[in-house]
Amino acid sequence: MILDAKSDPQKVAVLLTRLQARMDALSERAATFKNYQKNFKVYGRATTVRIDLVANIMLNLRLQRYDRYC
């Protein structure tokens, strides 16, 4: 449609506007994720320790539940 010389210019303009809006939204989302990555690099070790601690606690709780039912 975009590359077709016989296409309606108004339809092409609308399509390009929609594509531009979508690209802008995706660019903002990418910037958000990039910011998250920066934060994890700064707090990387402490965050990893906390995540491991929470995962360990969740595993222990699941095992306790399993022991009750067996």
Protein backbone atom coordinates (compact mmCIF):
# COMPACT_ATOMS: atom_id res chain seq x y z
CA MET A 1 0.00 0.00 0.00
CA ILE A 2 2.69 2.49 0.92
CA LEU A 3 4.86 1.68 -2.08
CA ASP A 4 2.00 1.45 -4.56
CA ALA A 5 1.91 4.54 -6.77
CA LYS A 6 -1.86 4.20 -7.20
CA SER A 7 -2.60 4.25 -3.47
CA ASP A 8 -4.82 6.91 -1.98
CA PRO A 9 -2.49 9.53 -0.43
CA GLN A 10 -4.88 10.17 2.47
CA LYS A 11 -4.99 6.48 3.40
CA VAL A 12 -1.21 6.30 3.22
CA ALA A 13 -0.92 9.39 5.43
CA VAL A 14 -3.30 7.87 7.99
CA LEU A 15 -1.33 4.61 7.97
CA LEU A 16 1.96 6.45 8.41
CA THR A 17 0.51 8.49 11.27
CA ARG A 18 -0.64 5.31 13.03
CA LEU A 19 2.73 3.69 12.48
CA GLN A 20 4.51 6.76 13.85
CA ALA A 21 2.31 6.76 16.96
CA ARG A 22 3.02 3.07 17.51
CA MET A 23 6.76 3.60 17.06
CA ASP A 24 6.68 6.47 19.57
CA ALA A 25 4.88 4.27 22.13
CA LEU A 26 7.36 1.44 21.60
CA SER A 27 10.25 3.86 21.93
CA GLU A 28 8.90 5.08 25.27
CA ARG A 29 8.49 1.49 26.42
CA ALA A 30 12.06 0.66 25.37
CA ALA A 31 13.32 3.66 27.35
CA THR A 32 11.41 2.41 30.40
CA PHE A 33 13.01 -1.02 30.14
CA LYS A 34 16.42 0.53 29.61
CA ASN A 35 15.89 2.51 32.81
CA TYR A 36 14.97 -0.71 34.63
CA GLN A 37 18.20 -2.27 33.40
CA LYS A 38 20.19 0.70 34.72
CA ASN A 39 18.52 0.37 38.11
CA PHE A 40 19.32 -3.34 38.27
CA LYS A 41 22.95 -2.65 37.43
CA VAL A 42 23.18 -0.11 40.25
CA TYR A 43 21.38 -2.29 42.78
CA GLY A 44 22.28 -5.58 41.11
CA ARG A 45 23.84 -7.49 43.97
CA ALA A 46 21.41 -6.43 46.70
CA THR A 47 18.44 -7.05 44.43
CA THR A 48 19.71 -10.50 43.49
CA VAL A 49 20.15 -11.40 47.15
CA ARG A 50 16.62 -10.21 47.96
CA ILE A 51 15.13 -12.09 45.02
CA ASP A 52 16.99 -15.26 46.05
CA LEU A 53 15.80 -14.85 49.62
CA VAL A 54 12.17 -14.48 48.53
CA ALA A 55 12.49 -17.46 46.18
CA ASN A 56 13.95 -19.53 49.01
CA ILE A 57 11.12 -18.58 51.37
CA MET A 58 8.52 -19.45 48.72
CA LEU A 59 10.18 -22.83 48.14
CA ASN A 60 10.15 -23.57 51.87
CA LEU A 61 6.47 -22.69 52.12
CA ARG A 62 5.63 -24.96 49.18
CA LEU A 63 7.57 -27.81 50.74
CA GLN A 64 5.76 -27.32 54.05
CA ARG A 65 2.40 -27.45 52.27
CA TYR A 66 3.48 -30.56 50.40
CA ASP A 67 4.55 -32.25 53.66
CA ARG A 68 1.15 -31.55 55.21
CA TYR A 69 -0.69 -33.28 52.36
CA CYS A 70 1.58 -36.34 52.14
